[in-house]
């Protein structure tokens, strides 16, 4: 027995004990929302305690909203001020967060009115919202008479920017394994299936050329093909379908994307290295993508067209952007045409003539954009001239004069 006790009481440093590690990490999940209050003057007189509320937005798994009180939140806190708050509008208890409420200076000088928890030390830590409907903000955010003569209001419009940082904690521990996971090759497998034609059960005829495909793949990728092949009003002959109004290279690219989930080599497909040919194919493919409900393909074509805006193609791209709801492409085209060095040349293209005949409303919008760009150019030139005269730079900062 004595020998056994001696073995048990051996010094602990003679035994190898594995040590594990974990770490508690606390950080914030951040998000922002811009709330535009148009027609500010019409909101005056709404009444103390009455508010205008933004749409809800989600940050850190919770929903939030901005509340703006034109006549103040309560009379006891001086009703001559506007009040501004951020509120928790979803269910939650003891939600800890950082906040920032900003009135945006619309003069371009970036002299914003900012109240922020971010980037500073907080004596009591993040603010805690106890329950749904809890608010953080200021009853006396800004004096109303000063606000109404400031650069925070432009064209009777006030812009509020809110940032929320929801505090979250988690436990991190090192992994005891390292396994390399191969990248997905589903697209490659489906692409090889299209290339081989194995199991194909539908044939498309495009300008006399035949393409074999698989109904289930097409139905899974496109709601239009799903209705055409399996819907209640499906085509009578779903084994041989004639496609009209689509050129052969465009249909090839369409099928390639539906199987590979990626664009094909456009130059190889067209047999040309011309950027104009690439743009032309992207334009036609955008139309086809919209026709068959392939949203990702439509956006990829929009990106390609935004990168390749040119004098000879911009009018056609603009018309397509308007017709197929491509807001970014439309903006890029309008801005390109509005440049003084581009406008005259664009107006002499065949695409612009077609634009005038087929999209008169879009032409009006284009002319308004050009007029607005010209007016902005005059304003900027005037500001620069005035800045030099006053000894300030374009941002309103004082600069040293050189003689």
Protein backbone atom coordinates (compact mmCIF):
# COMPACT_ATOMS: atom_id res chain seq x y z
CA UNK A 1 0.00 0.00 0.00
CA UNK A 2 2.82 2.39 0.89
CA UNK A 3 4.44 1.84 -2.51
CA UNK A 4 1.12 2.58 -4.27
CA UNK A 5 0.69 5.87 -2.39
CA UNK A 6 4.20 6.92 -3.35
CA UNK A 7 3.41 6.31 -7.05
CA UNK A 8 0.21 8.34 -6.89
CA UNK A 9 1.87 11.31 -5.22
CA UNK A 10 4.60 11.66 -7.85
CA UNK A 11 5.38 15.31 -8.82
CA UNK A 12 2.99 16.66 -11.45
CA UNK A 13 5.82 17.96 -13.63
CA UNK A 14 6.67 14.41 -14.56
CA UNK A 15 3.29 13.95 -16.29
CA UNK A 16 2.64 15.39 -19.78
CA UNK A 17 -0.73 17.19 -19.73
CA UNK A 18 -2.08 18.51 -23.09
CA UNK A 19 -3.10 22.18 -23.06
CA UNK A 20 -5.91 23.59 -25.19
CA UNK A 21 -6.67 27.26 -25.91
CA UNK A 22 -9.77 29.26 -26.62
CA UNK A 23 -10.41 32.97 -26.99
CA UNK A 24 -13.48 35.11 -26.45
CA UNK A 25 -13.74 37.72 -29.21
CA UNK A 26 -16.08 40.70 -28.96
CA UNK A 27 -16.59 42.94 -31.98
CA UNK A 28 -19.34 44.68 -33.92
CA UNK A 29 -21.44 43.77 -36.94
CA UNK A 30 -21.83 47.06 -38.79
CA UNK A 31 -24.42 48.38 -41.22
CA UNK A 32 -25.74 51.73 -42.43
CA UNK A 33 -28.90 53.30 -43.83
CA UNK A 34 -29.50 56.55 -45.71
CA UNK A 35 -32.85 58.23 -44.98
CA UNK A 36 -33.86 60.97 -47.43
CA UNK A 37 -36.56 63.38 -46.26
CA UNK A 38 -37.93 65.10 -49.36
CA UNK A 39 -40.32 68.04 -48.97
CA UNK A 40 -38.98 69.05 -45.56
CA UNK A 41 -40.89 72.34 -45.47
CA UNK A 42 -44.18 70.47 -45.80
CA UNK A 43 -43.40 68.43 -42.69
CA UNK A 44 -43.28 71.51 -40.46
CA UNK A 45 -46.29 71.86 -38.21
CA UNK A 46 -46.91 68.13 -38.09
CA UNK A 47 -47.01 68.46 -34.31
CA UNK A 48 -44.78 67.81 -31.33
CA UNK A 49 -44.20 64.09 -30.87
CA UNK A 50 -45.23 63.29 -34.46
CA UNK A 51 -42.56 61.67 -36.57
CA UNK A 52 -41.42 60.54 -40.01
CA UNK A 53 -39.93 57.05 -40.06
CA UNK A 54 -37.55 55.37 -42.50
CA UNK A 55 -37.96 51.95 -43.99
CA UNK A 56 -36.62 49.18 -41.75
CA UNK A 57 -33.10 47.87 -42.33
CA UNK A 58 -31.25 44.90 -40.87
CA UNK A 59 -27.94 44.96 -38.99
CA UNK A 60 -26.58 42.14 -36.85
CA UNK A 61 -29.75 40.08 -37.15
CA UNK A 62 -31.98 42.88 -35.83
CA UNK A 63 -34.23 45.34 -37.64
CA UNK A 64 -33.84 49.08 -37.13
CA UNK A 65 -35.52 52.31 -38.23
CA UNK A 66 -34.73 56.04 -38.11
CA UNK A 67 -37.30 58.36 -36.51
CA UNK A 68 -37.25 62.07 -37.38
CA UNK A 69 -39.42 64.54 -35.42
CA UNK A 70 -39.71 67.84 -37.39
CA UNK A 71 -41.40 69.64 -34.48
CA UNK A 72 -39.48 67.90 -31.70
CA UNK A 73 -40.21 64.79 -29.68
CA UNK A 74 -41.52 66.51 -26.55
CA UNK A 75 -42.22 70.12 -25.47
CA UNK A 76 -40.33 69.84 -22.19
CA UNK A 77 -37.07 69.35 -24.12
CA UNK A 78 -37.49 72.57 -26.13
CA UNK A 79 -39.78 72.14 -29.14
CA UNK A 80 -37.70 74.57 -31.22
CA UNK A 81 -35.35 71.67 -31.99
CA UNK A 82 -35.76 68.78 -34.40
CA UNK A 83 -35.34 65.34 -32.79
CA UNK A 84 -33.59 62.33 -34.30
CA UNK A 85 -33.53 58.75 -33.03
CA UNK A 86 -32.61 55.22 -34.08
CA UNK A 87 -34.99 52.52 -32.83
CA UNK A 88 -34.94 48.75 -32.46
CA UNK A 89 -38.07 47.56 -34.31
CA UNK A 90 -37.62 43.79 -34.08
CA UNK A 91 -37.88 41.55 -31.05
CA UNK A 92 -34.81 41.63 -28.85
CA UNK A 93 -33.71 42.14 -25.25
CA UNK A 94 -30.56 43.82 -23.98
CA UNK A 95 -29.23 44.47 -27.49
CA UNK A 96 -25.87 46.23 -27.13
CA UNK A 97 -24.83 48.48 -29.99
CA UNK A 98 -22.85 51.51 -31.14
CA UNK A 99 -24.63 54.24 -33.08
CA UNK A 100 -23.88 57.17 -35.32
CA UNK A 101 -26.44 59.73 -36.52
CA UNK A 102 -25.37 62.20 -39.19
CA UNK A 103 -26.96 65.13 -41.01
CA UNK A 104 -25.24 65.27 -44.38
CA UNK A 105 -23.84 68.60 -45.55
CA UNK A 106 -25.13 68.91 -49.13
CA UNK A 107 -22.84 71.78 -50.10
CA UNK A 108 -19.97 69.42 -50.90
CA UNK A 109 -17.79 70.79 -48.09
CA UNK A 110 -18.45 67.69 -45.94
CA UNK A 111 -19.20 69.69 -42.80
CA UNK A 112 -21.59 67.04 -41.55
CA UNK A 113 -23.37 67.14 -38.21
CA UNK A 114 -22.23 63.91 -36.56
CA UNK A 115 -23.10 62.28 -33.23
CA UNK A 116 -21.14 59.05 -32.94
CA UNK A 117 -20.20 56.23 -30.58
CA UNK A 118 -17.66 54.89 -33.06
CA UNK A 119 -13.93 55.60 -32.88
CA UNK A 120 -14.00 56.91 -29.31
CA UNK A 121 -13.73 55.50 -25.81
CA UNK A 122 -17.05 55.02 -24.03
CA UNK A 123 -17.05 55.30 -20.24
CA UNK A 124 -20.11 53.08 -19.85
CA UNK A 125 -19.55 50.90 -22.92
CA UNK A 126 -22.00 50.39 -25.81
CA UNK A 127 -25.61 51.53 -25.44
CA UNK A 128 -28.08 48.82 -24.39
CA UNK A 129 -31.56 48.66 -25.89
CA UNK A 130 -33.75 46.78 -23.42
CA UNK A 131 -36.64 45.72 -25.63
CA UNK A 132 -38.44 46.24 -28.96
CA UNK A 133 -39.19 49.94 -29.45
CA UNK A 134 -36.18 51.16 -27.45
CA UNK A 135 -34.51 54.24 -28.93
CA UNK A 136 -31.20 56.04 -28.91
CA UNK A 137 -30.82 59.58 -30.14
CA UNK A 138 -31.30 63.26 -29.35
CA UNK A 139 -34.43 65.20 -28.50
CA UNK A 140 -32.49 68.40 -29.18
CA UNK A 141 -30.55 67.20 -32.21
CA UNK A 142 -30.43 70.53 -34.07
CA UNK A 143 -32.06 73.93 -33.65
CA UNK A 144 -34.78 74.22 -36.28
CA UNK A 145 -34.30 77.85 -37.39
CA UNK A 146 -30.54 77.29 -37.88
CA UNK A 147 -31.15 74.02 -39.69
CA UNK A 148 -33.50 75.65 -42.19
CA UNK A 149 -30.86 78.18 -43.30
CA UNK A 150 -27.99 75.67 -43.37
CA UNK A 151 -26.39 73.54 -46.07
CA UNK A 152 -28.02 70.45 -44.57
CA UNK A 153 -31.14 71.30 -46.59
CA UNK A 154 -30.96 71.48 -50.37
CA UNK A 155 -33.93 71.59 -52.75
CA UNK A 156 -36.17 71.17 -49.68
CA UNK A 157 -34.46 67.84 -49.02
CA UNK A 158 -32.76 66.62 -45.83
CA UNK A 159 -30.50 63.55 -45.76
CA UNK A 160 -29.88 61.53 -42.59
CA UNK A 161 -27.22 58.82 -42.46
CA UNK A 162 -27.29 56.26 -39.66
CA UNK A 163 -24.69 53.63 -38.77
CA UNK A 164 -25.31 50.77 -36.34
CA UNK A 165 -22.73 48.42 -34.85
CA UNK A 166 -24.32 45.49 -33.03
CA UNK A 167 -21.98 44.05 -30.38
CA UNK A 168 -21.50 40.28 -30.59
CA UNK A 169 -19.22 37.89 -28.68
CA UNK A 170 -18.05 34.47 -29.78
CA UNK A 171 -15.56 31.83 -28.72
CA UNK A 172 -12.73 31.00 -31.09
CA UNK A 173 -10.47 28.01 -30.75
CA UNK A 174 -7.77 26.68 -33.07
CA UNK A 175 -8.68 23.85 -35.41
CA UNK A 176 -6.90 20.56 -34.80
CA UNK A 177 -7.24 19.55 -38.43
CA UNK A 178 -6.58 20.90 -41.90
CA UNK A 179 -8.51 19.37 -44.78
CA UNK A 180 -8.24 20.74 -48.31
CA UNK A 181 -11.71 20.88 -49.88
CA UNK A 182 -11.69 20.71 -53.69
CA UNK A 183 -13.43 23.56 -55.48
CA UNK A 184 -16.81 22.88 -57.03
CA UNK A 185 -16.68 21.21 -60.45
CA UNK A 186 -20.43 20.88 -60.99
CA UNK A 187 -20.30 23.33 -63.90
CA UNK A 188 -17.51 21.35 -65.55
CA UNK A 189 -19.48 18.10 -65.24
CA UNK A 190 -22.64 19.66 -66.68
CA UNK A 191 -20.59 21.30 -69.42
CA UNK A 192 -19.11 17.97 -70.42
CA UNK A 193 -22.64 16.54 -70.46
CA UNK A 194 -23.71 19.25 -72.92
CA UNK A 195 -20.61 18.71 -75.03
CA UNK A 196 -21.10 14.93 -75.25
CA UNK A 197 -24.86 15.09 -75.80
CA UNK A 198 -25.28 11.97 -73.67
CA UNK A 199 -28.90 11.60 -72.49
CA UNK A 200 -30.07 14.66 -74.44
CA UNK A 201 -33.84 14.70 -74.83
CA UNK A 202 -34.59 17.98 -76.61
CA UNK A 203 -33.27 19.57 -79.81
CA UNK A 204 -33.33 23.28 -80.59
CA UNK A 205 -33.26 24.56 -84.16
CA UNK A 206 -31.70 28.01 -84.56
CA UNK A 207 -31.41 29.35 -88.12
CA UNK A 208 -31.12 25.80 -89.45
CA UNK A 209 -28.48 24.70 -86.90
CA UNK A 210 -29.39 22.02 -84.32
CA UNK A 211 -28.44 21.98 -80.62
CA UNK A 212 -29.04 19.04 -78.29
CA UNK A 213 -29.76 19.66 -74.61
CA UNK A 214 -31.39 18.21 -71.48
CA UNK A 215 -34.86 19.29 -70.43
CA UNK A 216 -34.26 18.93 -66.67
CA UNK A 217 -31.11 21.08 -66.78
CA UNK A 218 -32.86 23.81 -68.75
CA UNK A 219 -35.93 23.70 -66.50
CA UNK A 220 -33.76 23.96 -63.39
CA UNK A 221 -31.92 26.99 -64.76
CA UNK A 222 -34.67 28.98 -66.48
CA UNK A 223 -38.29 29.59 -65.40
CA UNK A 224 -39.17 30.23 -69.05
CA UNK A 225 -37.82 26.86 -70.21
CA UNK A 226 -39.52 25.25 -67.20
CA UNK A 227 -42.89 26.56 -68.35
CA UNK A 228 -42.17 25.74 -71.99
CA UNK A 229 -41.11 22.16 -71.27
CA UNK A 230 -43.16 21.16 -68.21
CA UNK A 231 -45.80 23.84 -67.60
CA UNK A 232 -49.56 23.49 -68.07
CA UNK A 233 -49.35 25.24 -71.44
CA UNK A 234 -46.11 23.59 -72.55
CA UNK A 235 -45.23 23.28 -76.23
CA UNK A 236 -46.91 20.37 -78.01
CA UNK A 237 -43.58 19.10 -79.29
CA UNK A 238 -41.01 19.31 -76.49
CA UNK A 239 -38.44 17.20 -78.32
CA UNK A 240 -37.82 19.60 -81.21
CA UNK A 241 -38.18 23.35 -80.60
CA UNK A 242 -37.59 26.04 -83.20
CA UNK A 243 -36.07 29.24 -81.74
CA UNK A 244 -36.65 32.52 -83.53
CA UNK A 245 -35.18 36.02 -83.04
CA UNK A 246 -31.88 34.67 -81.63
CA UNK A 247 -28.68 34.30 -83.64
CA UNK A 248 -26.63 31.10 -83.50
CA UNK A 249 -23.62 32.51 -81.53
CA UNK A 250 -26.00 34.04 -78.99
CA UNK A 251 -27.85 30.75 -78.44
CA UNK A 252 -24.52 28.92 -78.13
CA UNK A 253 -23.44 31.37 -75.43
CA UNK A 254 -26.83 31.00 -73.71
CA UNK A 255 -26.58 27.20 -73.55
CA UNK A 256 -22.94 27.38 -72.43
CA UNK A 257 -23.88 29.61 -69.49
CA UNK A 258 -26.83 27.44 -68.47
CA UNK A 259 -24.54 24.42 -68.12
CA UNK A 260 -21.24 25.96 -67.04
CA UNK A 261 -22.66 28.95 -65.07
CA UNK A 262 -20.00 31.09 -66.77
CA UNK A 263 -19.61 33.02 -69.98
CA UNK A 264 -17.83 31.32 -72.87
CA UNK A 265 -14.78 32.72 -74.64
CA UNK A 266 -16.56 35.40 -76.65
CA UNK A 267 -13.76 35.88 -79.20
CA UNK A 268 -13.57 32.14 -79.86
CA UNK A 269 -17.34 31.95 -80.15
CA UNK A 270 -17.56 34.84 -82.62
CA UNK A 271 -14.36 33.95 -84.48
CA UNK A 272 -13.39 37.62 -84.18
CA UNK A 273 -11.08 39.64 -81.96
CA UNK A 274 -12.91 42.93 -82.42
CA UNK A 275 -14.11 44.69 -79.27
CA UNK A 276 -17.12 45.87 -81.26
CA UNK A 277 -18.05 42.24 -82.01
CA UNK A 278 -17.69 41.40 -78.31
CA UNK A 279 -19.98 44.30 -77.39
CA UNK A 280 -22.53 43.29 -80.03
CA UNK A 281 -22.67 39.73 -78.68
CA UNK A 282 -23.03 41.02 -75.10
CA UNK A 283 -25.94 43.22 -76.19
CA UNK A 284 -27.78 40.34 -77.87
CA UNK A 285 -26.97 37.97 -74.98
CA UNK A 286 -28.39 40.48 -72.49
CA UNK A 287 -31.69 40.44 -74.40
CA UNK A 288 -31.70 36.63 -74.47
CA UNK A 289 -30.90 36.42 -70.75
CA UNK A 290 -33.83 38.68 -69.92
CA UNK A 291 -36.09 36.70 -72.25
CA UNK A 292 -35.31 33.40 -70.47
CA UNK A 293 -35.17 34.79 -66.92
CA UNK A 294 -31.41 34.26 -66.39
CA UNK A 295 -30.74 37.10 -63.96
CA UNK A 296 -27.08 36.32 -63.28
CA UNK A 297 -26.32 36.20 -67.00
CA UNK A 298 -28.18 39.48 -67.53
CA UNK A 299 -26.04 41.15 -64.86
CA UNK A 300 -22.80 39.69 -66.28
CA UNK A 301 -23.71 41.14 -69.69
CA UNK A 302 -24.50 44.48 -68.03
CA UNK A 303 -21.04 44.50 -66.41
CA UNK A 304 -19.36 43.74 -69.76
CA UNK A 305 -21.28 46.51 -71.51
CA UNK A 306 -20.45 49.01 -68.76
CA UNK A 307 -16.76 48.26 -69.31
CA UNK A 308 -16.95 48.63 -73.09
CA UNK A 309 -18.96 51.80 -73.69
CA UNK A 310 -17.90 53.38 -76.99
CA UNK A 311 -19.10 56.01 -79.46
CA UNK A 312 -20.55 53.52 -81.96
CA UNK A 313 -22.31 51.28 -79.42
CA UNK A 314 -23.42 53.52 -76.56
CA UNK A 315 -26.80 54.50 -78.04
CA UNK A 316 -27.82 50.87 -78.55
CA UNK A 317 -26.59 49.93 -75.06
CA UNK A 318 -28.57 52.83 -73.61
CA UNK A 319 -31.77 51.68 -75.31
CA UNK A 320 -31.23 48.11 -74.10
CA UNK A 321 -30.48 49.30 -70.56
CA UNK A 322 -33.75 51.21 -70.45
CA UNK A 323 -35.76 48.34 -71.94
CA UNK A 324 -34.26 45.61 -69.73
CA UNK A 325 -34.00 47.56 -66.45
CA UNK A 326 -30.19 47.76 -66.26
CA UNK A 327 -29.86 50.83 -64.03
CA UNK A 328 -26.05 50.87 -63.82
CA UNK A 329 -25.60 50.46 -67.56
CA UNK A 330 -28.10 53.25 -68.15
CA UNK A 331 -26.22 55.55 -65.77
CA UNK A 332 -22.84 54.78 -67.39
CA UNK A 333 -24.22 55.39 -70.89
CA UNK A 334 -25.91 58.66 -69.95
CA UNK A 335 -22.73 59.93 -68.32
CA UNK A 336 -20.64 58.91 -71.35
CA UNK A 337 -22.96 60.63 -73.84
CA UNK A 338 -23.14 63.78 -71.68
CA UNK A 339 -19.39 64.36 -71.98
CA UNK A 340 -18.88 67.29 -74.38
CA UNK A 341 -16.16 65.43 -76.28
CA UNK A 342 -18.54 62.49 -76.95
CA UNK A 343 -21.95 64.07 -77.51
CA UNK A 344 -21.55 65.29 -81.09
CA UNK A 345 -19.97 62.04 -82.29
CA UNK A 346 -22.67 59.90 -80.66
CA UNK A 347 -25.43 61.96 -82.27
CA UNK A 348 -24.03 61.10 -85.72
CA UNK A 349 -24.23 57.30 -85.23
CA UNK A 350 -26.94 55.03 -86.62
CA UNK A 351 -27.68 53.86 -83.09
CA UNK A 352 -28.59 57.37 -82.02
CA UNK A 353 -30.92 57.79 -85.00
CA UNK A 354 -32.66 54.57 -84.01
CA UNK A 355 -32.85 55.83 -80.44
CA UNK A 356 -34.63 58.98 -81.58
CA UNK A 357 -37.20 56.99 -83.54
CA UNK A 358 -37.84 54.11 -81.13
CA UNK A 359 -37.36 55.66 -77.66
CA UNK A 360 -38.48 59.31 -77.69
CA UNK A 361 -39.04 59.34 -73.93
CA UNK A 362 -35.49 58.09 -73.36
CA UNK A 363 -34.19 60.79 -75.69
CA UNK A 364 -35.90 63.40 -73.52
CA UNK A 365 -34.28 61.92 -70.43
CA UNK A 366 -30.91 61.97 -72.19
CA UNK A 367 -31.25 65.64 -73.12
CA UNK A 368 -32.20 66.50 -69.53
CA UNK A 369 -29.12 64.63 -68.30
CA UNK A 370 -26.89 66.46 -70.79
CA UNK A 371 -28.37 69.80 -69.70
CA UNK A 372 -27.83 68.91 -66.05
CA UNK A 373 -24.23 67.88 -66.70
CA UNK A 374 -23.57 71.12 -68.56
CA UNK A 375 -25.09 73.15 -65.73
CA UNK A 376 -23.01 71.28 -63.16
CA UNK A 377 -19.88 71.95 -65.22
CA UNK A 378 -20.65 75.68 -65.23
CA UNK A 379 -21.22 75.65 -61.46
CA UNK A 380 -17.94 73.82 -60.79
CA UNK A 381 -16.03 76.23 -63.04
CA UNK A 382 -17.62 79.17 -61.25
CA UNK A 383 -16.78 77.70 -57.84
CA UNK A 384 -13.18 77.11 -58.85
CA UNK A 385 -12.89 80.68 -60.11
CA UNK A 386 -14.42 82.02 -56.91
CA UNK A 387 -12.17 79.79 -54.80
CA UNK A 388 -9.05 81.16 -56.46
CA UNK A 389 -10.34 84.70 -55.92
CA UNK A 390 -11.07 84.06 -52.23
CA UNK A 391 -7.87 82.14 -51.57
CA UNK A 392 -9.62 78.79 -51.01
CA UNK A 393 -9.27 75.46 -52.76
CA UNK A 394 -12.18 73.50 -54.33
CA UNK A 395 -13.04 71.98 -50.94
CA UNK A 396 -13.26 75.30 -49.16
CA UNK A 397 -9.88 74.96 -47.39
CA UNK A 398 -7.60 78.00 -47.13
CA UNK A 399 -4.61 77.82 -49.45
CA UNK A 400 -1.49 79.91 -49.73
CA UNK A 401 -1.57 82.30 -52.66
CA UNK A 402 1.25 82.19 -55.18
CA UNK A 403 2.32 85.33 -57.06
